[in-house]
PDB file of N, CA and C in Angstrom:
ATOM      1  N   MET A   1       0.805  -1.194   0.000  1.00  0.00           N
ATOM      2  CA  MET A   1       0.000   0.000   0.000  1.00  0.00           C
ATOM      3  C   MET A   1       0.854   1.266   0.000  1.00  0.00           C
ATOM      4  N   TYR A   2       1.945   1.244   0.738  1.00  0.00           N
ATOM      5  CA  TYR A   2       2.782   2.423   0.841  1.00  0.00           C
ATOM      6  C   TYR A   2       4.030   2.333  -0.029  1.00  0.00           C
ATOM      7  N   ASP A   3       4.168   1.274  -0.801  1.00  0.00           N
ATOM      8  CA  ASP A   3       5.355   1.093  -1.633  1.00  0.00           C
ATOM      9  C   ASP A   3       5.573   2.263  -2.577  1.00  0.00           C
ATOM     10  N   HIS A   4       4.497   2.793  -3.125  1.00  0.00           N
ATOM     11  CA  HIS A   4       4.609   3.923  -4.049  1.00  0.00           C
ATOM     12  C   HIS A   4       5.283   5.113  -3.366  1.00  0.00           C
ATOM     13  N   TYR A   5       4.864   5.417  -2.134  1.00  0.00           N
ATOM     14  CA  TYR A   5       5.429   6.551  -1.409  1.00  0.00           C
ATOM     15  C   TYR A   5       6.898   6.314  -1.075  1.00  0.00           C
ATOM     16  N   TYR A   6       7.216   5.094  -0.713  1.00  0.00           N
ATOM     17  CA  TYR A   6       8.605   4.738  -0.414  1.00  0.00           C
ATOM     18  C   TYR A   6       9.479   4.925  -1.648  1.00  0.00           C
ATOM     19  N   ARG A   7       9.042   4.367  -2.772  1.00  0.00           N
ATOM     20  CA  ARG A   7       9.821   4.488  -4.013  1.00  0.00           C
ATOM     21  C   ARG A   7       9.958   5.947  -4.437  1.00  0.00           C
ATOM     22  N   GLU A   8       8.884   6.688  -4.294  1.00  0.00           N
ATOM     23  CA  GLU A   8       8.918   8.100  -4.671  1.00  0.00           C
ATOM     24  C   GLU A   8       9.897   8.879  -3.794  1.00  0.00           C
ATOM     25  N   ALA A   9       9.908   8.598  -2.495  1.00  0.00           N
ATOM     26  CA  ALA A   9      10.836   9.263  -1.579  1.00  0.00           C
ATOM     27  C   ALA A   9      12.279   8.904  -1.914  1.00  0.00           C
ATOM     28  N   VAL A  10      12.542   7.641  -2.192  1.00  0.00           N
ATOM     29  CA  VAL A  10      13.903   7.210  -2.541  1.00  0.00           C
ATOM     30  C   VAL A  10      14.338   7.841  -3.860  1.00  0.00           C
ATOM     31  N   ASP A  11      13.453   7.876  -4.843  1.00  0.00           N
ATOM     32  CA  ASP A  11      13.798   8.498  -6.128  1.00  0.00           C
ATOM     33  C   ASP A  11      14.083   9.985  -5.960  1.00  0.00           C
ATOM     34  N   LEU A  12      13.285  10.658  -5.143  1.00  0.00           N
ATOM     35  CA  LEU A  12      13.531  12.076  -4.875  1.00  0.00           C
ATOM     36  C   LEU A  12      14.881  12.253  -4.200  1.00  0.00           C
ATOM     37  N   LEU A  13      15.176  11.438  -3.210  1.00  0.00           N
ATOM     38  CA  LEU A  13      16.454  11.529  -2.511  1.00  0.00           C
ATOM     39  C   LEU A  13      17.618  11.286  -3.463  1.00  0.00           C
ATOM     40  N   LYS A  14      17.496  10.296  -4.327  1.00  0.00           N
ATOM     41  CA  LYS A  14      18.563  10.029  -5.297  1.00  0.00           C
ATOM     42  C   LYS A  14      18.820  11.255  -6.166  1.00  0.00           C
ATOM     43  N   HIS A  15      17.764  11.920  -6.593  1.00  0.00           N
ATOM     44  CA  HIS A  15      17.959  13.110  -7.428  1.00  0.00           C
ATOM     45  C   HIS A  15      18.579  14.252  -6.619  1.00  0.00           C
ATOM     46  N   LEU A  16      18.131  14.432  -5.388  1.00  0.00           N
ATOM     47  CA  LEU A  16      18.688  15.507  -4.568  1.00  0.00           C
ATOM     48  C   LEU A  16      20.181  15.314  -4.335  1.00  0.00           C
ATOM     49  N   ILE A  17      20.618  14.075  -4.193  1.00  0.00           N
ATOM     50  CA  ILE A  17      22.046  13.796  -3.994  1.00  0.00           C
ATOM     51  C   ILE A  17      22.871  14.319  -5.166  1.00  0.00           C
ATOM     52  N   THR A  18      22.310  14.306  -6.362  1.00  0.00           N
ATOM     53  CA  THR A  18      23.067  14.745  -7.546  1.00  0.00           C
ATOM     54  C   THR A  18      23.225  16.258  -7.614  1.00  0.00           C
ATOM     55  N   LEU A  19      22.501  16.991  -6.781  1.00  0.00           N
ATOM     56  CA  LEU A  19      22.519  18.455  -6.827  1.00  0.00           C
ATOM     57  C   LEU A  19      23.385  19.010  -5.700  1.00  0.00           C
ATOM     58  N   PRO A  20      24.571  19.524  -6.016  1.00  0.00           N
ATOM     59  CA  PRO A  20      25.390  20.127  -4.961  1.00  0.00           C
ATOM     60  C   PRO A  20      24.596  21.232  -4.257  1.00  0.00           C
ATOM     61  N   ALA A  21      24.647  21.235  -2.937  1.00  0.00           N
ATOM     62  CA  ALA A  21      23.853  22.200  -2.172  1.00  0.00           C
ATOM     63  C   ALA A  21      24.565  22.632  -0.895  1.00  0.00           C
ATOM     64  N   PRO A  22      25.827  23.096  -1.014  1.00  0.00           N
ATOM     65  CA  PRO A  22      26.486  23.558   0.206  1.00  0.00           C
ATOM     66  C   PRO A  22      25.734  24.754   0.792  1.00  0.00           C
ATOM     67  N   SER A  23      25.834  24.923   2.092  1.00  0.00           N
ATOM     68  CA  SER A  23      25.123  26.004   2.774  1.00  0.00           C
ATOM     69  C   SER A  23      25.285  27.328   2.046  1.00  0.00           C
ATOM     70  N   ARG A  24      24.168  28.003   1.887  1.00  0.00           N
ATOM     71  CA  ARG A  24      24.050  29.298   1.224  1.00  0.00           C
ATOM     72  C   ARG A  24      24.190  29.218  -0.298  1.00  0.00           C
ATOM     73  N   SER A  25      24.302  28.010  -0.829  1.00  0.00           N
ATOM     74  CA  SER A  25      24.406  27.822  -2.286  1.00  0.00           C
ATOM     75  C   SER A  25      23.526  26.662  -2.733  1.00  0.00           C
ATOM     76  N   GLU A  26      22.359  26.554  -2.139  1.00  0.00           N
ATOM     77  CA  GLU A  26      21.475  25.434  -2.431  1.00  0.00           C
ATOM     78  C   GLU A  26      20.388  25.791  -3.444  1.00  0.00           C
ATOM     79  N   ASN A  27      20.677  26.760  -4.329  1.00  0.00           N
ATOM     80  CA  ASN A  27      19.694  27.231  -5.314  1.00  0.00           C
ATOM     81  C   ASN A  27      19.152  26.105  -6.179  1.00  0.00           C
ATOM     82  N   ALA A  28      20.020  25.264  -6.718  1.00  0.00           N
ATOM     83  CA  ALA A  28      19.573  24.195  -7.623  1.00  0.00           C
ATOM     84  C   ALA A  28      18.632  23.238  -6.895  1.00  0.00           C
ATOM     85  N   ARG A  29      18.934  22.949  -5.666  1.00  0.00           N
ATOM     86  CA  ARG A  29      18.086  22.041  -4.889  1.00  0.00           C
ATOM     87  C   ARG A  29      16.740  22.704  -4.574  1.00  0.00           C
ATOM     88  N   ALA A  30      16.765  23.980  -4.221  1.00  0.00           N
ATOM     89  CA  ALA A  30      15.512  24.703  -3.953  1.00  0.00           C
ATOM     90  C   ALA A  30      14.674  24.803  -5.221  1.00  0.00           C
ATOM     91  N   ASP A  31      15.328  25.060  -6.354  1.00  0.00           N
ATOM     92  CA  ASP A  31      14.605  25.124  -7.637  1.00  0.00           C
ATOM     93  C   ASP A  31      13.936  23.789  -7.945  1.00  0.00           C
ATOM     94  N   TYR A  32      14.688  22.703  -7.787  1.00  0.00           N
ATOM     95  CA  TYR A  32      14.140  21.381  -8.096  1.00  0.00           C
ATOM     96  C   TYR A  32      12.974  21.031  -7.164  1.00  0.00           C
ATOM     97  N   LEU A  33      13.147  21.283  -5.878  1.00  0.00           N
ATOM     98  CA  LEU A  33      12.073  20.972  -4.930  1.00  0.00           C
ATOM     99  C   LEU A  33      10.825  21.811  -5.208  1.00  0.00           C
ATOM    100  N   THR A  34      11.024  23.057  -5.607  1.00  0.00           N
ATOM    101  CA  THR A  34       9.881  23.905  -5.963  1.00  0.00           C
ATOM    102  C   THR A  34       9.119  23.293  -7.126  1.00  0.00           C
ATOM    103  N   GLN A  35       9.839  22.871  -8.156  1.00  0.00           N
ATOM    104  CA  GLN A  35       9.192  22.243  -9.320  1.00  0.00           C
ATOM    105  C   GLN A  35       8.509  20.933  -8.920  1.00  0.00           C
ATOM    106  N   TRP A  36       9.180  20.126  -8.129  1.00  0.00           N
ATOM    107  CA  TRP A  36       8.659  18.815  -7.733  1.00  0.00           C
ATOM    108  C   TRP A  36       7.377  18.970  -6.924  1.00  0.00           C
ATOM    109  N   LEU A  37       7.408  19.864  -5.936  1.00  0.00           N
ATOM    110  CA  LEU A  37       6.237  20.073  -5.084  1.00  0.00           C
ATOM    111  C   LEU A  37       5.078  20.696  -5.861  1.00  0.00           C
ATOM    112  N   THR A  38       5.396  21.620  -6.758  1.00  0.00           N
ATOM    113  CA  THR A  38       4.365  22.241  -7.593  1.00  0.00           C
ATOM    114  C   THR A  38       3.698  21.192  -8.475  1.00  0.00           C
ATOM    115  N   ALA A  39       4.495  20.278  -9.020  1.00  0.00           N
ATOM    116  CA  ALA A  39       3.944  19.203  -9.855  1.00  0.00           C
ATOM    117  C   ALA A  39       3.011  18.297  -9.051  1.00  0.00           C
ATOM    118  N   LYS A  40       3.202  18.252  -7.739  1.00  0.00           N
ATOM    119  CA  LYS A  40       2.330  17.455  -6.861  1.00  0.00           C
ATOM    120  C   LYS A  40       1.073  18.224  -6.464  1.00  0.00           C
ATOM    121  N   GLY A  41       0.936  19.448  -6.970  1.00  0.00           N
ATOM    122  CA  GLY A  41      -0.264  20.230  -6.703  1.00  0.00           C
ATOM    123  C   GLY A  41      -0.177  21.159  -5.507  1.00  0.00           C
ATOM    124  N   LEU A  42       1.016  21.306  -4.938  1.00  0.00           N
ATOM    125  CA  LEU A  42       1.180  22.182  -3.783  1.00  0.00           C
ATOM    126  C   LEU A  42       1.582  23.583  -4.225  1.00  0.00           C
ATOM    127  N   THR A  43       1.181  24.567  -3.457  1.00  0.00           N
ATOM    128  CA  THR A  43       1.641  25.934  -3.673  1.00  0.00           C
ATOM    129  C   THR A  43       2.895  26.112  -2.836  1.00  0.00           C
ATOM    130  N   VAL A  44       3.987  26.459  -3.495  1.00  0.00           N
ATOM    131  CA  VAL A  44       5.269  26.592  -2.810  1.00  0.00           C
ATOM    132  C   VAL A  44       5.552  28.072  -2.576  1.00  0.00           C
ATOM    133  N   ASN A  45       5.844  28.407  -1.346  1.00  0.00           N
ATOM    134  CA  ASN A  45       6.280  29.754  -0.987  1.00  0.00           C
ATOM    135  C   ASN A  45       7.793  29.702  -0.857  1.00  0.00           C
ATOM    136  N   ARG A  46       8.451  30.774  -1.282  1.00  0.00           N
ATOM    137  CA  ARG A  46       9.913  30.754  -1.254  1.00  0.00           C
ATOM    138  C   ARG A  46      10.458  32.125  -0.889  1.00  0.00           C
ATOM    139  N   GLU A  47      11.399  32.118   0.034  1.00  0.00           N
ATOM    140  CA  GLU A  47      12.169  33.310   0.355  1.00  0.00           C
ATOM    141  C   GLU A  47      13.631  32.885   0.353  1.00  0.00           C
ATOM    142  N   LEU A  48      14.391  33.425  -0.597  1.00  0.00           N
ATOM    143  CA  LEU A  48      15.750  32.966  -0.867  1.00  0.00           C
ATOM    144  C   LEU A  48      15.672  31.468  -1.166  1.00  0.00           C
ATOM    145  N   ASN A  49      16.327  30.631  -0.369  1.00  0.00           N
ATOM    146  CA  ASN A  49      16.249  29.183  -0.595  1.00  0.00           C
ATOM    147  C   ASN A  49      15.442  28.473   0.486  1.00  0.00           C
ATOM    148  N   ASN A  50      14.624  29.221   1.179  1.00  0.00           N
ATOM    149  CA  ASN A  50      13.720  28.662   2.183  1.00  0.00           C
ATOM    150  C   ASN A  50      12.371  28.429   1.525  1.00  0.00           C
ATOM    151  N   LEU A  51      11.890  27.201   1.603  1.00  0.00           N
ATOM    152  CA  LEU A  51      10.630  26.815   0.977  1.00  0.00           C
ATOM    153  C   LEU A  51       9.634  26.399   2.048  1.00  0.00           C
ATOM    154  N   TRP A  52       8.362  26.685   1.797  1.00  0.00           N
ATOM    155  CA  TRP A  52       7.323  26.154   2.662  1.00  0.00           C
ATOM    156  C   TRP A  52       6.022  26.016   1.890  1.00  0.00           C
ATOM    157  N   CYS A  53       5.264  25.033   2.310  1.00  0.00           N
ATOM    158  CA  CYS A  53       3.963  24.732   1.707  1.00  0.00           C
ATOM    159  C   CYS A  53       2.955  24.583   2.837  1.00  0.00           C
ATOM    160  N   VAL A  54       1.712  24.784   2.490  1.00  0.00           N
ATOM    161  CA  VAL A  54       0.627  24.560   3.439  1.00  0.00           C
ATOM    162  C   VAL A  54      -0.202  23.409   2.887  1.00  0.00           C
ATOM    163  N   ALA A  55      -0.452  22.431   3.729  1.00  0.00           N
ATOM    164  CA  ALA A  55      -1.215  21.255   3.299  1.00  0.00           C
ATOM    165  C   ALA A  55      -2.610  21.669   2.839  1.00  0.00           C
ATOM    166  N   PRO A  56      -3.137  20.966   1.838  1.00  0.00           N
ATOM    167  CA  PRO A  56      -4.462  21.311   1.314  1.00  0.00           C
ATOM    168  C   PRO A  56      -5.563  21.338   2.377  1.00  0.00           C
ATOM    169  N   GLY A  57      -5.479  20.529   3.409  1.00  0.00           N
ATOM    170  CA  GLY A  57      -6.511  20.481   4.436  1.00  0.00           C
ATOM    171  C   GLY A  57      -6.302  21.454   5.585  1.00  0.00           C
ATOM    172  N   TYR A  58      -5.347  22.366   5.434  1.00  0.00           N
ATOM    173  CA  TYR A  58      -5.041  23.302   6.520  1.00  0.00           C
ATOM    174  C   TYR A  58      -6.267  24.122   6.903  1.00  0.00           C
ATOM    175  N   ASP A  59      -6.467  24.249   8.216  1.00  0.00           N
ATOM    176  CA  ASP A  59      -7.575  25.036   8.749  1.00  0.00           C
ATOM    177  C   ASP A  59      -7.038  25.814   9.944  1.00  0.00           C
ATOM    178  N   VAL A  60      -7.069  27.138   9.847  1.00  0.00           N
ATOM    179  CA  VAL A  60      -6.519  27.988  10.895  1.00  0.00           C
ATOM    180  C   VAL A  60      -7.184  27.732  12.251  1.00  0.00           C
ATOM    181  N   ALA A  61      -8.386  27.219  12.250  1.00  0.00           N
ATOM    182  CA  ALA A  61      -9.112  26.964  13.494  1.00  0.00           C
ATOM    183  C   ALA A  61      -8.703  25.653  14.171  1.00  0.00           C
ATOM    184  N   ARG A  62      -7.896  24.855  13.488  1.00  0.00           N
ATOM    185  CA  ARG A  62      -7.496  23.557  14.044  1.00  0.00           C
ATOM    186  C   ARG A  62      -6.032  23.597  14.467  1.00  0.00           C
ATOM    187  N   PRO A  63      -5.617  22.680  15.336  1.00  0.00           N
ATOM    188  CA  PRO A  63      -4.200  22.621  15.720  1.00  0.00           C
ATOM    189  C   PRO A  63      -3.316  22.419  14.483  1.00  0.00           C
ATOM    190  N   THR A  64      -2.123  22.982  14.543  1.00  0.00           N
ATOM    191  CA  THR A  64      -1.199  22.948  13.410  1.00  0.00           C
ATOM    192  C   THR A  64       0.046  22.156  13.777  1.00  0.00           C
ATOM    193  N   LEU A  65       0.549  21.399  12.827  1.00  0.00           N
ATOM    194  CA  LEU A  65       1.792  20.658  12.989  1.00  0.00           C
ATOM    195  C   LEU A  65       2.768  21.140  11.924  1.00  0.00           C
ATOM    196  N   LEU A  66       3.940  21.586  12.338  1.00  0.00           N
ATOM    197  CA  LEU A  66       4.977  22.032  11.416  1.00  0.00           C
ATOM    198  C   LEU A  66       5.969  20.898  11.197  1.00  0.00           C
ATOM    199  N   LEU A  67       6.197  20.529   9.943  1.00  0.00           N
ATOM    200  CA  LEU A  67       7.226  19.555   9.578  1.00  0.00           C
ATOM    201  C   LEU A  67       8.359  20.357   8.959  1.00  0.00           C
ATOM    202  N   ASN A  68       9.549  20.278   9.531  1.00  0.00           N
ATOM    203  CA  ASN A  68      10.636  21.176   9.169  1.00  0.00           C
ATOM    204  C   ASN A  68      11.941  20.410   8.952  1.00  0.00           C
ATOM    205  N   SER A  69      12.704  20.851   7.967  1.00  0.00           N
ATOM    206  CA  SER A  69      14.025  20.283   7.717  1.00  0.00           C
ATOM    207  C   SER A  69      14.861  21.329   6.991  1.00  0.00           C
ATOM    208  N   HIS A  70      16.072  20.960   6.644  1.00  0.00           N
ATOM    209  CA  HIS A  70      16.919  21.849   5.849  1.00  0.00           C
ATOM    210  C   HIS A  70      17.297  21.137   4.564  1.00  0.00           C
ATOM    211  N   ILE A  71      17.657  21.930   3.530  1.00  0.00           N
ATOM    212  CA  ILE A  71      17.958  21.333   2.226  1.00  0.00           C
ATOM    213  C   ILE A  71      19.425  21.454   1.849  1.00  0.00           C
ATOM    214  N   ASP A  72      20.216  22.142   2.663  1.00  0.00           N
ATOM    215  CA  ASP A  72      21.631  22.287   2.332  1.00  0.00           C
ATOM    216  C   ASP A  72      22.425  21.085   2.831  1.00  0.00           C
ATOM    217  N   THR A  73      23.664  20.996   2.352  1.00  0.00           N
ATOM    218  CA  THR A  73      24.588  19.947   2.784  1.00  0.00           C
ATOM    219  C   THR A  73      25.914  20.592   3.163  1.00  0.00           C
ATOM    220  N   VAL A  74      26.770  19.810   3.740  1.00  0.00           N
ATOM    221  CA  VAL A  74      28.147  20.249   3.932  1.00  0.00           C
ATOM    222  C   VAL A  74      28.862  20.121   2.590  1.00  0.00           C
ATOM    223  N   LYS A  75      30.019  20.736   2.477  1.00  0.00           N
ATOM    224  CA  LYS A  75      30.838  20.546   1.276  1.00  0.00           C
ATOM    225  C   LYS A  75      31.536  19.196   1.394  1.00  0.00           C
ATOM    226  N   PRO A  76      31.694  18.501   0.275  1.00  0.00           N
ATOM    227  CA  PRO A  76      32.397  17.214   0.352  1.00  0.00           C
ATOM    228  C   PRO A  76      33.863  17.430   0.725  1.00  0.00           C
ATOM    229  N   VAL A  77      34.383  16.538   1.512  1.00  0.00           N
ATOM    230  CA  VAL A  77      35.785  16.594   1.913  1.00  0.00           C
ATOM    231  C   VAL A  77      36.494  15.345   1.413  1.00  0.00           C
ATOM    232  N   ASP A  78      37.808  15.359   1.473  1.00  0.00           N
ATOM    233  CA  ASP A  78      38.575  14.176   1.088  1.00  0.00           C
ATOM    234  C   ASP A  78      38.182  12.997   1.981  1.00  0.00           C
ATOM    235  N   GLY A  79      38.296  11.822   1.444  1.00  0.00           N
ATOM    236  CA  GLY A  79      38.023  10.632   2.230  1.00  0.00           C
ATOM    237  C   GLY A  79      36.810   9.854   1.764  1.00  0.00           C
ATOM    238  N   TRP A  80      36.062  10.409   0.825  1.00  0.00           N
ATOM    239  CA  TRP A  80      34.923   9.657   0.290  1.00  0.00           C
ATOM    240  C   TRP A  80      35.446   8.479  -0.514  1.00  0.00           C
ATOM    241  N   SER A  81      34.868   7.315  -0.310  1.00  0.00           N
ATOM    242  CA  SER A  81      35.249   6.143  -1.110  1.00  0.00           C
ATOM    243  C   SER A  81      34.362   6.023  -2.349  1.00  0.00           C
ATOM    244  N   ARG A  82      33.348   6.890  -2.444  1.00  0.00           N
ATOM    245  CA  ARG A  82      32.426   6.939  -3.588  1.00  0.00           C
ATOM    246  C   ARG A  82      32.323   8.395  -4.033  1.00  0.00           C
ATOM    247  N   ASP A  83      31.781   8.603  -5.226  1.00  0.00           N
ATOM    248  CA  ASP A  83      31.487   9.963  -5.669  1.00  0.00           C
ATOM    249  C   ASP A  83      30.336  10.479  -4.809  1.00  0.00           C
ATOM    250  N   PRO A  84      30.527  11.567  -4.053  1.00  0.00           N
ATOM    251  CA  PRO A  84      29.472  12.028  -3.152  1.00  0.00           C
ATOM    252  C   PRO A  84      28.202  12.496  -3.863  1.00  0.00           C
ATOM    253  N   PHE A  85      28.285  12.791  -5.165  1.00  0.00           N
ATOM    254  CA  PHE A  85      27.127  13.284  -5.913  1.00  0.00           C
ATOM    255  C   PHE A  85      26.502  12.227  -6.822  1.00  0.00           C
ATOM    256  N   THR A  86      26.943  10.983  -6.665  1.00  0.00           N
ATOM    257  CA  THR A  86      26.348   9.877  -7.412  1.00  0.00           C
ATOM    258  C   THR A  86      25.672   8.943  -6.416  1.00  0.00           C
ATOM    259  N   PRO A  87      24.338   8.938  -6.387  1.00  0.00           N
ATOM    260  CA  PRO A  87      23.653   8.054  -5.442  1.00  0.00           C
ATOM    261  C   PRO A  87      23.956   6.593  -5.757  1.00  0.00           C
ATOM    262  N   GLU A  88      24.274   5.844  -4.724  1.00  0.00           N
ATOM    263  CA  GLU A  88      24.616   4.434  -4.916  1.00  0.00           C
ATOM    264  C   GLU A  88      23.964   3.601  -3.815  1.00  0.00           C
ATOM    265  N   VAL A  89      23.257   2.573  -4.220  1.00  0.00           N
ATOM    266  CA  VAL A  89      22.648   1.651  -3.261  1.00  0.00           C
ATOM    267  C   VAL A  89      23.561   0.443  -3.124  1.00  0.00           C
ATOM    268  N   SER A  90      23.905   0.108  -1.884  1.00  0.00           N
ATOM    269  CA  SER A  90      24.754  -1.043  -1.603  1.00  0.00           C
ATOM    270  C   SER A  90      24.279  -1.670  -0.298  1.00  0.00           C
ATOM    271  N   ASP A  91      24.017  -2.965  -0.333  1.00  0.00           N
ATOM    272  CA  ASP A  91      23.546  -3.692   0.855  1.00  0.00           C
ATOM    273  C   ASP A  91      22.326  -3.026   1.494  1.00  0.00           C
ATOM    274  N   GLY A  92      21.422  -2.535   0.665  1.00  0.00           N
ATOM    275  CA  GLY A  92      20.193  -1.934   1.174  1.00  0.00           C
ATOM    276  C   GLY A  92      20.334  -0.525   1.710  1.00  0.00           C
ATOM    277  N   ARG A  93      21.495   0.083   1.512  1.00  0.00           N
ATOM    278  CA  ARG A  93      21.726   1.450   1.983  1.00  0.00           C
ATOM    279  C   ARG A  93      21.973   2.365   0.797  1.00  0.00           C
ATOM    280  N   LEU A  94      21.484   3.590   0.907  1.00  0.00           N
ATOM    281  CA  LEU A  94      21.690   4.586  -0.136  1.00  0.00           C
ATOM    282  C   LEU A  94      22.794   5.529   0.312  1.00  0.00           C
ATOM    283  N   TYR A  95      23.850   5.599  -0.493  1.00  0.00           N
ATOM    284  CA  TYR A  95      24.991   6.446  -0.182  1.00  0.00           C
ATOM    285  C   TYR A  95      24.998   7.662  -1.089  1.00  0.00           C
ATOM    286  N   GLY A  96      25.433   8.782  -0.547  1.00  0.00           N
ATOM    287  CA  GLY A  96      25.587  10.017  -1.296  1.00  0.00           C
ATOM    288  C   GLY A  96      25.563  11.185  -0.325  1.00  0.00           C
ATOM    289  N   LEU A  97      26.192  12.282  -0.720  1.00  0.00           N
ATOM    290  CA  LEU A  97      26.282  13.451   0.148  1.00  0.00           C
ATOM    291  C   LEU A  97      24.890  13.980   0.480  1.00  0.00           C
ATOM    292  N   GLY A  98      24.610  14.121   1.744  1.00  0.00           N
ATOM    293  CA  GLY A  98      23.324  14.630   2.193  1.00  0.00           C
ATOM    294  C   GLY A  98      22.236  13.583   2.300  1.00  0.00           C
ATOM    295  N   SER A  99      22.580  12.327   2.028  1.00  0.00           N
ATOM    296  CA  SER A  99      21.545  11.285   2.083  1.00  0.00           C
ATOM    297  C   SER A  99      21.015  11.094   3.502  1.00  0.00           C
ATOM    298  N   ASN A 100      21.861  11.294   4.491  1.00  0.00           N
ATOM    299  CA  ASN A 100      21.443  11.135   5.880  1.00  0.00           C
ATOM    300  C   ASN A 100      21.128  12.484   6.521  1.00  0.00           C
ATOM    301  N   ASP A 101      21.920  13.466   6.278  1.00  0.00           N
ATOM    302  CA  ASP A 101      21.763  14.796   6.880  1.00  0.00           C
ATOM    303  C   ASP A 101      21.493  15.822   5.790  1.00  0.00           C
ATOM    304  N   ALA A 102      20.309  16.128   5.541  1.00  0.00           N
ATOM    305  CA  ALA A 102      19.054  15.650   6.121  1.00  0.00           C
ATOM    306  C   ALA A 102      18.150  15.181   5.001  1.00  0.00           C
ATOM    307  N   GLY A 103      18.751  14.646   3.932  1.00  0.00           N
ATOM    308  CA  GLY A 103      17.971  14.249   2.765  1.00  0.00           C
ATOM    309  C   GLY A 103      16.897  13.218   3.038  1.00  0.00           C
ATOM    310  N   ALA A 104      17.238  12.158   3.748  1.00  0.00           N
ATOM    311  CA  ALA A 104      16.252  11.101   4.002  1.00  0.00           C
ATOM    312  C   ALA A 104      15.091  11.620   4.837  1.00  0.00           C
ATOM    313  N   SER A 105      15.396  12.404   5.866  1.00  0.00           N
ATOM    314  CA  SER A 105      14.298  12.937   6.685  1.00  0.00           C
ATOM    315  C   SER A 105      13.471  13.944   5.896  1.00  0.00           C
ATOM    316  N   LEU A 106      14.112  14.757   5.069  1.00  0.00           N
ATOM    317  CA  LEU A 106      13.383  15.711   4.225  1.00  0.00           C
ATOM    318  C   LEU A 106      12.412  14.981   3.302  1.00  0.00           C
ATOM    319  N   CYS A 107      12.889  13.957   2.623  1.00  0.00           N
ATOM    320  CA  CYS A 107      12.034  13.205   1.689  1.00  0.00           C
ATOM    321  C   CYS A 107      10.916  12.475   2.422  1.00  0.00           C
ATOM    322  N   SER A 108      11.191  11.999   3.622  1.00  0.00           N
ATOM    323  CA  SER A 108      10.144  11.356   4.425  1.00  0.00           C
ATOM    324  C   SER A 108       9.085  12.367   4.842  1.00  0.00           C
ATOM    325  N   LEU A 109       9.514  13.540   5.269  1.00  0.00           N
ATOM    326  CA  LEU A 109       8.556  14.577   5.666  1.00  0.00           C
ATOM    327  C   LEU A 109       7.690  15.006   4.490  1.00  0.00           C
ATOM    328  N   ILE A 110       8.288  15.120   3.322  1.00  0.00           N
ATOM    329  CA  ILE A 110       7.532  15.516   2.133  1.00  0.00           C
ATOM    330  C   ILE A 110       6.442  14.493   1.836  1.00  0.00           C
ATOM    331  N   GLN A 111       6.717  13.218   2.067  1.00  0.00           N
ATOM    332  CA  GLN A 111       5.725  12.180   1.791  1.00  0.00           C
ATOM    333  C   GLN A 111       4.559  12.212   2.775  1.00  0.00           C
ATOM    334  N   VAL A 112       4.774  12.801   3.935  1.00  0.00           N
ATOM    335  CA  VAL A 112       3.698  12.903   4.925  1.00  0.00           C
ATOM    336  C   VAL A 112       2.698  13.923   4.437  1.00  0.00           C
TER     337      VAL A 112
END
């Protein structure tokens, strides 16, 4: 039942890994997420590289839950055994710069 959402989140994460997004230079990632979310029917608000959407069922009279993450990554440093911008699945794990901090949580939050 949820396989579609899982695959979609993993595919989104794989694409985000390919987009360099060091702090204060995450324009390409913000652009892509804006397009992706808009294609899903959401209205995306943007200030610089900060994005936010309001769920279709939002009601100001009801309690609100904020789901928050960041889209930037650290700069790659020496010591990577793989290309940090090429997503690679090995032994059930997805490797790539930003896949853990905070790409996976970002993609999971988007699916909610």
